[in-house]
Amino acid sequence: MHELSIALNILEVAEEEAERRAGQRIVSIRLKLGALSGVDPKALQSAYELARETSAFAGTALVVEEVPVVAHCPRCAVDRAVPSVWHLCCPVCGTPTPQVVAGRELEIVGLEIEA
């Protein structure tokens, strides 16, 4: 379950930022998670809840924004969400769309800090 190691790394980043901000309390951590990241959102939430209990962030929420797979269609010349991670074709014209432009994300995009 690599989600546990990811959750522990998220908490490490939060801890570093809390130290940098002179110990201000972090209320929530916002994360973008792409459909092609290889991380199961529910498993990550469960792992995070387990990992945070033994940390200084026991009350901190993990807010996950799931990012769909978006690919560039060479025929239409636009970026579009594909119908499935297993079917990388333009949903409008059906052209294969091998150039993925979004959906691989696994990044912390924000911290909510108590004032």
PDB file of N, CA and C in Angstrom:
ATOM      1  N   MET A   1       0.853  -1.185   0.000  1.00  0.00           N
ATOM      2  CA  MET A   1       0.000   0.000   0.000  1.00  0.00           C
ATOM      3  C   MET A   1       0.892   1.241   0.000  1.00  0.00           C
ATOM      4  N   HIS A   2       1.234   1.723  -1.183  1.00  0.00           N
ATOM      5  CA  HIS A   2       2.111   2.886  -1.270  1.00  0.00           C
ATOM      6  C   HIS A   2       1.408   4.177  -0.864  1.00  0.00           C
ATOM      7  N   GLU A   3       0.095   4.136  -0.714  1.00  0.00           N
ATOM      8  CA  GLU A   3      -0.640   5.323  -0.272  1.00  0.00           C
ATOM      9  C   GLU A   3      -0.200   5.761   1.122  1.00  0.00           C
ATOM     10  N   LEU A   4       0.194   4.809   1.980  1.00  0.00           N
ATOM     11  CA  LEU A   4       0.655   5.170   3.319  1.00  0.00           C
ATOM     12  C   LEU A   4       1.952   5.965   3.248  1.00  0.00           C
ATOM     13  N   SER A   5       2.884   5.574   2.406  1.00  0.00           N
ATOM     14  CA  SER A   5       4.128   6.336   2.282  1.00  0.00           C
ATOM     15  C   SER A   5       3.860   7.715   1.691  1.00  0.00           C
ATOM     16  N   ILE A   6       2.896   7.810   0.788  1.00  0.00           N
ATOM     17  CA  ILE A   6       2.516   9.114   0.230  1.00  0.00           C
ATOM     18  C   ILE A   6       1.906   9.988   1.322  1.00  0.00           C
ATOM     19  N   ALA A   7       1.028   9.411   2.134  1.00  0.00           N
ATOM     20  CA  ALA A   7       0.405  10.162   3.231  1.00  0.00           C
ATOM     21  C   ALA A   7       1.470  10.656   4.213  1.00  0.00           C
ATOM     22  N   LEU A   8       2.447   9.820   4.518  1.00  0.00           N
ATOM     23  CA  LEU A   8       3.521  10.230   5.427  1.00  0.00           C
ATOM     24  C   LEU A   8       4.344  11.371   4.819  1.00  0.00           C
ATOM     25  N   ASN A   9       4.581  11.311   3.510  1.00  0.00           N
ATOM     26  CA  ASN A   9       5.314  12.393   2.841  1.00  0.00           C
ATOM     27  C   ASN A   9       4.516  13.695   2.850  1.00  0.00           C
ATOM     28  N   ILE A  10       3.209  13.604   2.679  1.00  0.00           N
ATOM     29  CA  ILE A  10       2.355  14.798   2.740  1.00  0.00           C
ATOM     30  C   ILE A  10       2.473  15.437   4.114  1.00  0.00           C
ATOM     31  N   LEU A  11       2.457  14.620   5.153  1.00  0.00           N
ATOM     32  CA  LEU A  11       2.582  15.141   6.520  1.00  0.00           C
ATOM     33  C   LEU A  11       3.962  15.744   6.767  1.00  0.00           C
ATOM     34  N   GLU A  12       5.004  15.187   6.167  1.00  0.00           N
ATOM     35  CA  GLU A  12       6.348  15.757   6.288  1.00  0.00           C
ATOM     36  C   GLU A  12       6.398  17.152   5.670  1.00  0.00           C
ATOM     37  N   VAL A  13       5.790  17.299   4.506  1.00  0.00           N
ATOM     38  CA  VAL A  13       5.754  18.608   3.839  1.00  0.00           C
ATOM     39  C   VAL A  13       4.990  19.607   4.713  1.00  0.00           C
ATOM     40  N   ALA A  14       3.869  19.178   5.266  1.00  0.00           N
ATOM     41  CA  ALA A  14       3.071  20.051   6.140  1.00  0.00           C
ATOM     42  C   ALA A  14       3.880  20.454   7.375  1.00  0.00           C
ATOM     43  N   GLU A  15       4.615  19.510   7.931  1.00  0.00           N
ATOM     44  CA  GLU A  15       5.428  19.799   9.112  1.00  0.00           C
ATOM     45  C   GLU A  15       6.521  20.816   8.797  1.00  0.00           C
ATOM     46  N   GLU A  16       7.178  20.658   7.662  1.00  0.00           N
ATOM     47  CA  GLU A  16       8.212  21.611   7.240  1.00  0.00           C
ATOM     48  C   GLU A  16       7.626  23.009   7.066  1.00  0.00           C
ATOM     49  N   GLU A  17       6.448  23.078   6.465  1.00  0.00           N
ATOM     50  CA  GLU A  17       5.813  24.384   6.247  1.00  0.00           C
ATOM     51  C   GLU A  17       5.360  25.003   7.565  1.00  0.00           C
ATOM     52  N   ALA A  18       4.858  24.194   8.486  1.00  0.00           N
ATOM     53  CA  ALA A  18       4.445  24.702   9.801  1.00  0.00           C
ATOM     54  C   ALA A  18       5.655  25.254  10.555  1.00  0.00           C
ATOM     55  N   GLU A  19       6.784  24.569  10.472  1.00  0.00           N
ATOM     56  CA  GLU A  19       8.013  25.063  11.110  1.00  0.00           C
ATOM     57  C   GLU A  19       8.465  26.364  10.469  1.00  0.00           C
ATOM     58  N   ARG A  20       8.379  26.434   9.150  1.00  0.00           N
ATOM     59  CA  ARG A  20       8.776  27.651   8.425  1.00  0.00           C
ATOM     60  C   ARG A  20       7.889  28.833   8.803  1.00  0.00           C
ATOM     61  N   ARG A  21       6.649  28.549   9.142  1.00  0.00           N
ATOM     62  CA  ARG A  21       5.691  29.592   9.509  1.00  0.00           C
ATOM     63  C   ARG A  21       5.572  29.746  11.021  1.00  0.00           C
ATOM     64  N   ALA A  22       6.623  29.419  11.718  1.00  0.00           N
ATOM     65  CA  ALA A  22       6.699  29.589  13.176  1.00  0.00           C
ATOM     66  C   ALA A  22       5.583  28.851  13.919  1.00  0.00           C
ATOM     67  N   GLY A  23       5.288  27.641  13.472  1.00  0.00           N
ATOM     68  CA  GLY A  23       4.348  26.806  14.196  1.00  0.00           C
ATOM     69  C   GLY A  23       2.878  27.147  14.041  1.00  0.00           C
ATOM     70  N   GLN A  24       2.505  27.935  13.035  1.00  0.00           N
ATOM     71  CA  GLN A  24       1.078  28.217  12.825  1.00  0.00           C
ATOM     72  C   GLN A  24       0.342  26.904  12.555  1.00  0.00           C
ATOM     73  N   ARG A  25      -0.889  26.839  13.008  1.00  0.00           N
ATOM     74  CA  ARG A  25      -1.672  25.603  12.901  1.00  0.00           C
ATOM     75  C   ARG A  25      -2.242  25.433  11.500  1.00  0.00           C
ATOM     76  N   ILE A  26      -1.982  24.282  10.906  1.00  0.00           N
ATOM     77  CA  ILE A  26      -2.520  23.940   9.596  1.00  0.00           C
ATOM     78  C   ILE A  26      -3.858  23.240   9.799  1.00  0.00           C
ATOM     79  N   VAL A  27      -4.891  23.756   9.142  1.00  0.00           N
ATOM     80  CA  VAL A  27      -6.251  23.232   9.279  1.00  0.00           C
ATOM     81  C   VAL A  27      -6.532  22.155   8.231  1.00  0.00           C
ATOM     82  N   SER A  28      -6.077  22.388   6.996  1.00  0.00           N
ATOM     83  CA  SER A  28      -6.295  21.404   5.938  1.00  0.00           C
ATOM     84  C   SER A  28      -5.180  21.471   4.909  1.00  0.00           C
ATOM     85  N   ILE A  29      -5.032  20.367   4.209  1.00  0.00           N
ATOM     86  CA  ILE A  29      -4.045  20.244   3.142  1.00  0.00           C
ATOM     87  C   ILE A  29      -4.812  19.920   1.874  1.00  0.00           C
ATOM     88  N   ARG A  30      -4.605  20.741   0.817  1.00  0.00           N
ATOM     89  CA  ARG A  30      -5.286  20.527  -0.462  1.00  0.00           C
ATOM     90  C   ARG A  30      -4.336  19.826  -1.419  1.00  0.00           C
ATOM     91  N   LEU A  31      -4.852  18.802  -2.073  1.00  0.00           N
ATOM     92  CA  LEU A  31      -4.046  17.965  -2.947  1.00  0.00           C
ATOM     93  C   LEU A  31      -4.755  17.773  -4.276  1.00  0.00           C
ATOM     94  N   LYS A  32      -4.015  17.868  -5.386  1.00  0.00           N
ATOM     95  CA  LYS A  32      -4.548  17.509  -6.705  1.00  0.00           C
ATOM     96  C   LYS A  32      -4.060  16.107  -7.007  1.00  0.00           C
ATOM     97  N   LEU A  33      -5.001  15.259  -7.416  1.00  0.00           N
ATOM     98  CA  LEU A  33      -4.686  13.861  -7.660  1.00  0.00           C
ATOM     99  C   LEU A  33      -5.257  13.443  -9.012  1.00  0.00           C
ATOM    100  N   GLY A  34      -4.383  13.175  -9.962  1.00  0.00           N
ATOM    101  CA  GLY A  34      -4.802  12.794 -11.303  1.00  0.00           C
ATOM    102  C   GLY A  34      -5.200  11.337 -11.398  1.00  0.00           C
ATOM    103  N   ALA A  35      -6.081  11.069 -12.342  1.00  0.00           N
ATOM    104  CA  ALA A  35      -6.577   9.705 -12.549  1.00  0.00           C
ATOM    105  C   ALA A  35      -5.468   8.752 -12.986  1.00  0.00           C
ATOM    106  N   LEU A  36      -4.393   9.280 -13.576  1.00  0.00           N
ATOM    107  CA  LEU A  36      -3.269   8.448 -14.011  1.00  0.00           C
ATOM    108  C   LEU A  36      -2.106   8.469 -13.021  1.00  0.00           C
ATOM    109  N   SER A  37      -2.311   8.997 -11.836  1.00  0.00           N
ATOM    110  CA  SER A  37      -1.225   9.101 -10.852  1.00  0.00           C
ATOM    111  C   SER A  37      -0.838   7.759 -10.248  1.00  0.00           C
ATOM    112  N   GLY A  38      -1.722   6.781 -10.348  1.00  0.00           N
ATOM    113  CA  GLY A  38      -1.450   5.485  -9.758  1.00  0.00           C
ATOM    114  C   GLY A  38      -1.806   5.416  -8.284  1.00  0.00           C
ATOM    115  N   VAL A  39      -2.531   6.441  -7.806  1.00  0.00           N
ATOM    116  CA  VAL A  39      -2.913   6.507  -6.397  1.00  0.00           C
ATOM    117  C   VAL A  39      -4.430   6.428  -6.295  1.00  0.00           C
ATOM    118  N   ASP A  40      -4.905   5.546  -5.436  1.00  0.00           N
ATOM    119  CA  ASP A  40      -6.335   5.409  -5.206  1.00  0.00           C
ATOM    120  C   ASP A  40      -6.763   6.478  -4.191  1.00  0.00           C
ATOM    121  N   PRO A  41      -7.689   7.371  -4.554  1.00  0.00           N
ATOM    122  CA  PRO A  41      -8.085   8.456  -3.653  1.00  0.00           C
ATOM    123  C   PRO A  41      -8.632   7.972  -2.310  1.00  0.00           C
ATOM    124  N   LYS A  42      -9.443   6.929  -2.324  1.00  0.00           N
ATOM    125  CA  LYS A  42     -10.012   6.423  -1.068  1.00  0.00           C
ATOM    126  C   LYS A  42      -8.939   5.785  -0.195  1.00  0.00           C
ATOM    127  N   ALA A  43      -8.039   5.045  -0.809  1.00  0.00           N
ATOM    128  CA  ALA A  43      -6.948   4.434  -0.046  1.00  0.00           C
ATOM    129  C   ALA A  43      -6.031   5.514   0.531  1.00  0.00           C
ATOM    130  N   LEU A  44      -5.807   6.592  -0.239  1.00  0.00           N
ATOM    131  CA  LEU A  44      -4.983   7.682   0.264  1.00  0.00           C
ATOM    132  C   LEU A  44      -5.654   8.365   1.450  1.00  0.00           C
ATOM    133  N   GLN A  45      -6.948   8.603   1.371  1.00  0.00           N
ATOM    134  CA  GLN A  45      -7.683   9.214   2.490  1.00  0.00           C
ATOM    135  C   GLN A  45      -7.565   8.345   3.742  1.00  0.00           C
ATOM    136  N   SER A  46      -7.756   7.052   3.593  1.00  0.00           N
ATOM    137  CA  SER A  46      -7.653   6.131   4.727  1.00  0.00           C
ATOM    138  C   SER A  46      -6.248   6.122   5.307  1.00  0.00           C
ATOM    139  N   ALA A  47      -5.253   6.068   4.425  1.00  0.00           N
ATOM    140  CA  ALA A  47      -3.857   6.075   4.875  1.00  0.00           C
ATOM    141  C   ALA A  47      -3.529   7.385   5.585  1.00  0.00           C
ATOM    142  N   TYR A  48      -4.039   8.494   5.059  1.00  0.00           N
ATOM    143  CA  TYR A  48      -3.786   9.793   5.675  1.00  0.00           C
ATOM    144  C   TYR A  48      -4.399   9.846   7.070  1.00  0.00           C
ATOM    145  N   GLU A  49      -5.623   9.374   7.198  1.00  0.00           N
ATOM    146  CA  GLU A  49      -6.291   9.387   8.507  1.00  0.00           C
ATOM    147  C   GLU A  49      -5.505   8.558   9.520  1.00  0.00           C
ATOM    148  N   LEU A  50      -4.949   7.453   9.082  1.00  0.00           N
ATOM    149  CA  LEU A  50      -4.130   6.614   9.958  1.00  0.00           C
ATOM    150  C   LEU A  50      -2.825   7.319  10.316  1.00  0.00           C
ATOM    151  N   ALA A  51      -2.153   7.876   9.326  1.00  0.00           N
ATOM    152  CA  ALA A  51      -0.850   8.507   9.537  1.00  0.00           C
ATOM    153  C   ALA A  51      -0.935   9.770  10.387  1.00  0.00           C
ATOM    154  N   ARG A  52      -1.988  10.529  10.239  1.00  0.00           N
ATOM    155  CA  ARG A  52      -2.084  11.799  10.966  1.00  0.00           C
ATOM    156  C   ARG A  52      -2.307  11.607  12.461  1.00  0.00           C
ATOM    157  N   GLU A  53      -2.848  10.462  12.863  1.00  0.00           N
ATOM    158  CA  GLU A  53      -3.161  10.225  14.275  1.00  0.00           C
ATOM    159  C   GLU A  53      -1.915  10.231  15.151  1.00  0.00           C
ATOM    160  N   THR A  54      -0.780   9.857  14.609  1.00  0.00           N
ATOM    161  CA  THR A  54       0.455   9.827  15.392  1.00  0.00           C
ATOM    162  C   THR A  54       1.350  11.026  15.079  1.00  0.00           C
ATOM    163  N   SER A  55       0.745  12.071  14.530  1.00  0.00           N
ATOM    164  CA  SER A  55       1.512  13.265  14.171  1.00  0.00           C
ATOM    165  C   SER A  55       0.944  14.488  14.874  1.00  0.00           C
ATOM    166  N   ALA A  56       1.570  15.609  14.629  1.00  0.00           N
ATOM    167  CA  ALA A  56       1.088  16.884  15.175  1.00  0.00           C
ATOM    168  C   ALA A  56      -0.120  17.406  14.395  1.00  0.00           C
ATOM    169  N   PHE A  57      -0.580  16.654  13.405  1.00  0.00           N
ATOM    170  CA  PHE A  57      -1.662  17.096  12.525  1.00  0.00           C
ATOM    171  C   PHE A  57      -2.906  16.230  12.659  1.00  0.00           C
ATOM    172  N   ALA A  58      -3.166  15.745  13.863  1.00  0.00           N
ATOM    173  CA  ALA A  58      -4.286  14.832  14.105  1.00  0.00           C
ATOM    174  C   ALA A  58      -5.632  15.422  13.678  1.00  0.00           C
ATOM    175  N   GLY A  59      -5.801  16.726  13.749  1.00  0.00           N
ATOM    176  CA  GLY A  59      -7.067  17.352  13.379  1.00  0.00           C
ATOM    177  C   GLY A  59      -7.073  17.954  11.992  1.00  0.00           C
ATOM    178  N   THR A  60      -6.020  17.731  11.228  1.00  0.00           N
ATOM    179  CA  THR A  60      -5.887  18.341   9.907  1.00  0.00           C
ATOM    180  C   THR A  60      -6.559  17.477   8.841  1.00  0.00           C
ATOM    181  N   ALA A  61      -7.368  18.118   8.005  1.00  0.00           N
ATOM    182  CA  ALA A  61      -8.087  17.405   6.943  1.00  0.00           C
ATOM    183  C   ALA A  61      -7.252  17.356   5.665  1.00  0.00           C
ATOM    184  N   LEU A  62      -7.437  16.291   4.909  1.00  0.00           N
ATOM    185  CA  LEU A  62      -6.851  16.180   3.580  1.00  0.00           C
ATOM    186  C   LEU A  62      -7.982  16.349   2.581  1.00  0.00           C
ATOM    187  N   VAL A  63      -7.892  17.392   1.759  1.00  0.00           N
ATOM    188  CA  VAL A  63      -8.921  17.679   0.758  1.00  0.00           C
ATOM    189  C   VAL A  63      -8.346  17.318  -0.607  1.00  0.00           C
ATOM    190  N   VAL A  64      -8.912  16.286  -1.220  1.00  0.00           N
ATOM    191  CA  VAL A  64      -8.397  15.775  -2.489  1.00  0.00           C
ATOM    192  C   VAL A  64      -9.277  16.240  -3.642  1.00  0.00           C
ATOM    193  N   GLU A  65      -8.643  16.910  -4.596  1.00  0.00           N
ATOM    194  CA  GLU A  65      -9.319  17.295  -5.840  1.00  0.00           C
ATOM    195  C   GLU A  65      -8.881  16.311  -6.911  1.00  0.00           C
ATOM    196  N   GLU A  66      -9.819  15.507  -7.388  1.00  0.00           N
ATOM    197  CA  GLU A  66      -9.497  14.524  -8.417  1.00  0.00           C
ATOM    198  C   GLU A  66      -9.465  15.204  -9.783  1.00  0.00           C
ATOM    199  N   VAL A  67      -8.390  14.960 -10.527  1.00  0.00           N
ATOM    200  CA  VAL A  67      -8.183  15.580 -11.830  1.00  0.00           C
ATOM    201  C   VAL A  67      -8.408  14.524 -12.915  1.00  0.00           C
ATOM    202  N   PRO A  68      -9.324  14.790 -13.856  1.00  0.00           N
ATOM    203  CA  PRO A  68      -9.567  13.816 -14.929  1.00  0.00           C
ATOM    204  C   PRO A  68      -8.411  13.806 -15.932  1.00  0.00           C
ATOM    205  N   VAL A  69      -8.379  12.778 -16.751  1.00  0.00           N
ATOM    206  CA  VAL A  69      -7.379  12.699 -17.814  1.00  0.00           C
ATOM    207  C   VAL A  69      -7.821  13.613 -18.947  1.00  0.00           C
ATOM    208  N   VAL A  70      -6.930  14.521 -19.314  1.00  0.00           N
ATOM    209  CA  VAL A  70      -7.175  15.440 -20.423  1.00  0.00           C
ATOM    210  C   VAL A  70      -6.057  15.227 -21.435  1.00  0.00           C
ATOM    211  N   ALA A  71      -6.431  15.087 -22.695  1.00  0.00           N
ATOM    212  CA  ALA A  71      -5.451  14.872 -23.763  1.00  0.00           C
ATOM    213  C   ALA A  71      -5.680  15.880 -24.872  1.00  0.00           C
ATOM    214  N   HIS A  72      -4.610  16.140 -25.602  1.00  0.00           N
ATOM    215  CA  HIS A  72      -4.693  17.064 -26.737  1.00  0.00           C
ATOM    216  C   HIS A  72      -5.080  16.282 -27.986  1.00  0.00           C
ATOM    217  N   CYS A  73      -6.157  16.726 -28.630  1.00  0.00           N
ATOM    218  CA  CYS A  73      -6.594  16.098 -29.875  1.00  0.00           C
ATOM    219  C   CYS A  73      -5.898  16.804 -31.040  1.00  0.00           C
ATOM    220  N   PRO A  74      -5.098  16.078 -31.803  1.00  0.00           N
ATOM    221  CA  PRO A  74      -4.403  16.720 -32.922  1.00  0.00           C
ATOM    222  C   PRO A  74      -5.337  17.137 -34.057  1.00  0.00           C
ATOM    223  N   ARG A  75      -6.440  16.437 -34.235  1.00  0.00           N
ATOM    224  CA  ARG A  75      -7.387  16.782 -35.299  1.00  0.00           C
ATOM    225  C   ARG A  75      -8.199  18.024 -34.936  1.00  0.00           C
ATOM    226  N   CYS A  76      -8.754  18.060 -33.720  1.00  0.00           N
ATOM    227  CA  CYS A  76      -9.569  19.206 -33.288  1.00  0.00           C
ATOM    228  C   CYS A  76      -8.695  20.378 -32.807  1.00  0.00           C
ATOM    229  N   ALA A  77      -7.439  20.101 -32.482  1.00  0.00           N
ATOM    230  CA  ALA A  77      -6.483  21.088 -31.974  1.00  0.00           C
ATOM    231  C   ALA A  77      -6.942  21.720 -30.661  1.00  0.00           C
ATOM    232  N   VAL A  78      -7.549  20.896 -29.786  1.00  0.00           N
ATOM    233  CA  VAL A  78      -7.970  21.354 -28.463  1.00  0.00           C
ATOM    234  C   VAL A  78      -7.681  20.252 -27.435  1.00  0.00           C
ATOM    235  N   ASP A  79      -7.650  20.660 -26.170  1.00  0.00           N
ATOM    236  CA  ASP A  79      -7.504  19.713 -25.076  1.00  0.00           C
ATOM    237  C   ASP A  79      -8.886  19.307 -24.601  1.00  0.00           C
ATOM    238  N   ARG A  80      -9.098  17.995 -24.438  1.00  0.00           N
ATOM    239  CA  ARG A  80     -10.401  17.489 -24.003  1.00  0.00           C
ATOM    240  C   ARG A  80     -10.220  16.368 -22.996  1.00  0.00           C
ATOM    241  N   ALA A  81     -11.175  16.283 -22.066  1.00  0.00           N
ATOM    242  CA  ALA A  81     -11.204  15.147 -21.144  1.00  0.00           C
ATOM    243  C   ALA A  81     -11.548  13.905 -21.953  1.00  0.00           C
ATOM    244  N   VAL A  82     -10.798  12.839 -21.726  1.00  0.00           N
ATOM    245  CA  VAL A  82     -11.058  11.603 -22.459  1.00  0.00           C
ATOM    246  C   VAL A  82     -12.093  10.775 -21.702  1.00  0.00           C
ATOM    247  N   PRO A  83     -12.831   9.935 -22.420  1.00  0.00           N
ATOM    248  CA  PRO A  83     -13.907   9.181 -21.772  1.00  0.00           C
ATOM    249  C   PRO A  83     -13.422   8.143 -20.760  1.00  0.00           C
ATOM    250  N   SER A  84     -12.193   7.669 -20.921  1.00  0.00           N
ATOM    251  CA  SER A  84     -11.677   6.632 -20.026  1.00  0.00           C
ATOM    252  C   SER A  84     -10.151   6.661 -20.046  1.00  0.00           C
ATOM    253  N   VAL A  85      -9.554   6.269 -18.950  1.00  0.00           N
ATOM    254  CA  VAL A  85      -8.090   6.191 -18.924  1.00  0.00           C
ATOM    255  C   VAL A  85      -7.600   5.058 -19.819  1.00  0.00           C
ATOM    256  N   TRP A  86      -8.482   4.159 -20.186  1.00  0.00           N
ATOM    257  CA  TRP A  86      -8.129   3.030 -21.048  1.00  0.00           C
ATOM    258  C   TRP A  86      -8.434   3.314 -22.512  1.00  0.00           C
ATOM    259  N   HIS A  87      -9.092   4.433 -22.790  1.00  0.00           N
ATOM    260  CA  HIS A  87      -9.511   4.749 -24.157  1.00  0.00           C
ATOM    261  C   HIS A  87      -9.113   6.198 -24.448  1.00  0.00           C
ATOM    262  N   LEU A  88      -7.858   6.389 -24.824  1.00  0.00           N
ATOM    263  CA  LEU A  88      -7.344   7.741 -25.050  1.00  0.00           C
ATOM    264  C   LEU A  88      -7.656   8.196 -26.478  1.00  0.00           C
ATOM    265  N   CYS A  89      -8.924   8.522 -26.669  1.00  0.00           N
ATOM    266  CA  CYS A  89      -9.394   9.047 -27.954  1.00  0.00           C
ATOM    267  C   CYS A  89     -10.251  10.280 -27.698  1.00  0.00           C
ATOM    268  N   CYS A  90     -10.255  11.173 -28.666  1.00  0.00           N
ATOM    269  CA  CYS A  90     -11.071  12.381 -28.566  1.00  0.00           C
ATOM    270  C   CYS A  90     -12.543  11.985 -28.486  1.00  0.00           C
ATOM    271  N   PRO A  91     -13.272  12.500 -27.505  1.00  0.00           N
ATOM    272  CA  PRO A  91     -14.681  12.153 -27.384  1.00  0.00           C
ATOM    273  C   PRO A  91     -15.555  12.768 -28.491  1.00  0.00           C
ATOM    274  N   VAL A  92     -15.023  13.723 -29.239  1.00  0.00           N
ATOM    275  CA  VAL A  92     -15.803  14.376 -30.292  1.00  0.00           C
ATOM    276  C   VAL A  92     -15.574  13.720 -31.651  1.00  0.00           C
ATOM    277  N   CYS A  93     -14.287  13.575 -32.045  1.00  0.00           N
ATOM    278  CA  CYS A  93     -14.004  13.059 -33.388  1.00  0.00           C
ATOM    279  C   CYS A  93     -13.483  11.620 -33.399  1.00  0.00           C
ATOM    280  N   GLY A  94     -13.102  11.088 -32.234  1.00  0.00           N
ATOM    281  CA  GLY A  94     -12.633   9.709 -32.149  1.00  0.00           C
ATOM    282  C   GLY A  94     -11.167   9.494 -32.474  1.00  0.00           C
ATOM    283  N   THR A  95     -10.432  10.570 -32.759  1.00  0.00           N
ATOM    284  CA  THR A  95      -9.008  10.464 -33.074  1.00  0.00           C
ATOM    285  C   THR A  95      -8.221  10.029 -31.834  1.00  0.00           C
ATOM    286  N   PRO A  96      -7.267   9.106 -31.992  1.00  0.00           N
ATOM    287  CA  PRO A  96      -6.402   8.751 -30.858  1.00  0.00           C
ATOM    288  C   PRO A  96      -5.666   9.996 -30.337  1.00  0.00           C
ATOM    289  N   THR A  97      -5.599  10.117 -29.018  1.00  0.00           N
ATOM    290  CA  THR A  97      -5.008  11.303 -28.388  1.00  0.00           C
ATOM    291  C   THR A  97      -3.912  10.877 -27.412  1.00  0.00           C
ATOM    292  N   PRO A  98      -2.729  10.552 -27.922  1.00  0.00           N
ATOM    293  CA  PRO A  98      -1.671  10.055 -27.048  1.00  0.00           C
ATOM    294  C   PRO A  98      -0.990  11.124 -26.191  1.00  0.00           C
ATOM    295  N   GLN A  99      -1.216  12.402 -26.489  1.00  0.00           N
ATOM    296  CA  GLN A  99      -0.562  13.474 -25.736  1.00  0.00           C
ATOM    297  C   GLN A  99      -1.414  13.874 -24.531  1.00  0.00           C
ATOM    298  N   VAL A 100      -1.117  13.291 -23.379  1.00  0.00           N
ATOM    299  CA  VAL A 100      -1.841  13.586 -22.142  1.00  0.00           C
ATOM    300  C   VAL A 100      -1.321  14.902 -21.567  1.00  0.00           C
ATOM    301  N   VAL A 101      -2.232  15.841 -21.295  1.00  0.00           N
ATOM    302  CA  VAL A 101      -1.831  17.146 -20.758  1.00  0.00           C
ATOM    303  C   VAL A 101      -2.237  17.330 -19.298  1.00  0.00           C
ATOM    304  N   ALA A 102      -3.095  16.473 -18.782  1.00  0.00           N
ATOM    305  CA  ALA A 102      -3.483  16.531 -17.367  1.00  0.00           C
ATOM    306  C   ALA A 102      -3.972  15.154 -16.944  1.00  0.00           C
ATOM    307  N   GLY A 103      -3.813  14.882 -15.657  1.00  0.00           N
ATOM    308  CA  GLY A 103      -4.292  13.622 -15.129  1.00  0.00           C
ATOM    309  C   GLY A 103      -3.221  12.798 -14.440  1.00  0.00           C
ATOM    310  N   ARG A 104      -1.988  13.290 -14.454  1.00  0.00           N
ATOM    311  CA  ARG A 104      -0.893  12.585 -13.783  1.00  0.00           C
ATOM    312  C   ARG A 104      -0.523  13.235 -12.449  1.00  0.00           C
ATOM    313  N   GLU A 105      -1.230  14.282 -12.081  1.00  0.00           N
ATOM    314  CA  GLU A 105      -0.884  15.082 -10.910  1.00  0.00           C
ATOM    315  C   GLU A 105      -0.921  14.297  -9.605  1.00  0.00           C
ATOM    316  N   LEU A 106       0.008  14.625  -8.751  1.00  0.00           N
ATOM    317  CA  LEU A 106       0.020  14.213  -7.349  1.00  0.00           C
ATOM    318  C   LEU A 106       0.803  15.317  -6.660  1.00  0.00           C
ATOM    319  N   GLU A 107       0.088  16.385  -6.318  1.00  0.00           N
ATOM    320  CA  GLU A 107       0.772  17.551  -5.779  1.00  0.00           C
ATOM    321  C   GLU A 107      -0.049  18.269  -4.725  1.00  0.00           C
ATOM    322  N   ILE A 108       0.666  18.768  -3.747  1.00  0.00           N
ATOM    323  CA  ILE A 108       0.031  19.614  -2.738  1.00  0.00           C
ATOM    324  C   ILE A 108      -0.109  20.983  -3.371  1.00  0.00           C
ATOM    325  N   VAL A 109      -1.339  21.493  -3.394  1.00  0.00           N
ATOM    326  CA  VAL A 109      -1.589  22.780  -4.036  1.00  0.00           C
ATOM    327  C   VAL A 109      -1.949  23.876  -3.033  1.00  0.00           C
ATOM    328  N   GLY A 110      -2.153  23.511  -1.782  1.00  0.00           N
ATOM    329  CA  GLY A 110      -2.476  24.544  -0.814  1.00  0.00           C
ATOM    330  C   GLY A 110      -2.573  24.017   0.609  1.00  0.00           C
ATOM    331  N   LEU A 111      -2.346  24.925   1.519  1.00  0.00           N
ATOM    332  CA  LEU A 111      -2.504  24.651   2.947  1.00  0.00           C
ATOM    333  C   LEU A 111      -3.420  25.716   3.524  1.00  0.00           C
ATOM    334  N   GLU A 112      -4.418  25.299   4.260  1.00  0.00           N
ATOM    335  CA  GLU A 112      -5.260  26.266   4.963  1.00  0.00           C
ATOM    336  C   GLU A 112      -4.669  26.423   6.349  1.00  0.00           C
ATOM    337  N   ILE A 113      -4.289  27.650   6.670  1.00  0.00           N
ATOM    338  CA  ILE A 113      -3.616  27.937   7.942  1.00  0.00           C
ATOM    339  C   ILE A 113      -4.508  28.807   8.798  1.00  0.00           C
ATOM    340  N   GLU A 114      -4.628  28.416  10.051  1.00  0.00           N
ATOM    341  CA  GLU A 114      -5.461  29.171  10.990  1.00  0.00           C
ATOM    342  C   GLU A 114      -4.809  30.514  11.292  1.00  0.00           C
ATOM    343  N   ALA A 115      -5.610  31.556  11.209  1.00  0.00           N
ATOM    344  CA  ALA A 115      -5.082  32.909  11.433  1.00  0.00           C
ATOM    345  C   ALA A 115      -4.847  33.191  12.906  1.00  0.00           C
TER     346      ALA A 115
END
